[in-house]
Protein backbone atom coordinates (compact mmCIF):
# COMPACT_ATOMS: atom_id res chain seq x y z
CA MET A 1 130.00 109.46 107.38
CA ALA A 2 132.87 108.72 109.71
CA LEU A 3 133.83 111.32 112.23
CA CYS A 4 137.16 111.19 114.03
CA ILE A 5 136.92 112.41 117.60
CA SER A 6 139.94 112.18 119.88
CA GLY A 7 141.61 109.60 117.66
CA ARG A 8 138.57 107.30 117.59
CA ILE A 9 136.40 106.84 114.54
CA ARG A 10 132.68 107.17 115.15
CA PHE A 11 130.09 106.32 112.50
CA ASP A 12 126.87 108.22 113.10
CA GLN A 13 125.33 108.63 109.68
CA VAL A 14 124.82 106.63 106.50
CA ILE A 15 124.43 108.65 103.30
CA VAL A 16 122.77 106.87 100.37
CA GLN A 17 122.69 108.25 96.84
CA LEU A 18 119.84 106.68 94.90
CA ARG A 19 119.93 105.92 91.16
CA ASP A 20 117.74 108.96 90.46
CA GLY A 21 120.38 111.18 92.09
CA THR A 22 118.49 111.92 95.29
CA VAL A 23 120.40 111.60 98.54
CA GLU A 24 119.01 110.11 101.73
CA LYS A 25 120.69 110.39 105.12
CA TYR A 26 120.09 107.97 107.98
CA GLN A 27 121.22 108.32 111.57
CA VAL A 28 122.93 105.20 112.87
CA GLY A 29 122.39 103.96 116.40
CA VAL A 30 124.94 102.30 118.64
CA MET A 31 127.15 99.86 116.80
CA ALA A 32 128.89 96.84 118.26
CA THR A 33 132.67 96.65 118.03
CA ASN A 34 135.20 94.12 119.23
CA GLU A 35 135.91 96.37 122.20
CA LYS A 36 132.27 97.14 123.03
CA GLN A 37 129.55 94.57 122.41
CA VAL A 38 126.02 95.92 122.01
CA SER A 39 123.02 93.63 121.71
CA SER A 40 120.97 94.26 118.59
CA GLY A 41 118.61 91.36 119.15
CA ILE A 42 119.55 89.78 115.82
CA MET A 43 121.53 86.92 117.33
CA ASP A 44 118.82 86.35 119.95
CA ALA A 45 116.20 86.08 117.20
CA PHE A 46 118.44 83.70 115.23
CA VAL A 47 118.96 81.43 118.23
CA GLU A 48 115.22 81.54 118.98
CA SER A 49 114.46 80.38 115.42
CA ILE A 50 116.81 77.41 115.90
CA VAL A 51 115.39 76.52 119.32
CA THR A 52 111.77 76.76 118.13
CA ASN A 53 112.47 75.29 114.67
CA THR A 54 110.89 78.28 112.93
CA PRO A 55 112.17 80.32 109.98
CA PRO A 56 114.45 83.20 110.98
CA SER A 57 112.95 86.68 110.80
CA ILE A 58 115.77 87.68 108.43
CA SER A 59 116.54 85.21 105.65
CA GLY A 60 120.04 84.38 104.49
CA GLU A 61 119.28 86.12 101.20
CA GLU A 62 118.32 89.36 102.98
CA GLY A 63 121.38 89.09 105.21
CA LEU A 64 123.57 88.76 102.12
CA LYS A 65 122.00 91.91 100.63
CA SER A 66 122.74 93.79 103.84
CA LEU A 67 126.33 92.57 103.81
CA ALA A 68 126.72 93.84 100.23
CA VAL A 69 125.55 97.30 101.33
CA ILE A 70 127.97 97.33 104.27
CA LEU A 71 130.92 96.22 102.14
CA ALA A 72 130.04 98.84 99.51
CA ALA A 73 129.95 101.51 102.23
CA PHE A 74 133.46 100.55 103.36
CA GLU A 75 134.67 100.55 99.75
CA SER A 76 133.10 103.96 99.17
CA GLN A 77 134.73 105.35 102.29
CA ASP A 78 138.15 104.04 101.26
CA SER A 79 137.92 105.12 97.60
CA LYS A 80 135.99 108.36 98.25
CA LYS A 81 133.77 107.36 95.30
CA VAL A 82 130.16 106.31 94.85
CA VAL A 83 129.88 102.51 94.81
CA SER A 84 127.00 101.09 92.81
CA LEU A 85 125.07 97.99 93.89
CA SER A 86 123.84 95.96 90.93
């Protein structure tokens, strides 16, 4: 859910509607923006996997799934409709 406070949009909650109709709500922590960079540790872990020649803790396939969820959330916000992930 996006909240607009003083002309700035703040995302503090993700609402997920499951296929069985149940709804789950998740609080979102600090998010990085172009104006304010926040370390999540993901890039550090990625660089560490390159330096140590070990598999990354998050695979490309899992990253792609996460991206699909994020893009669906943006689409849902814009369309004000439930967006299904196949």
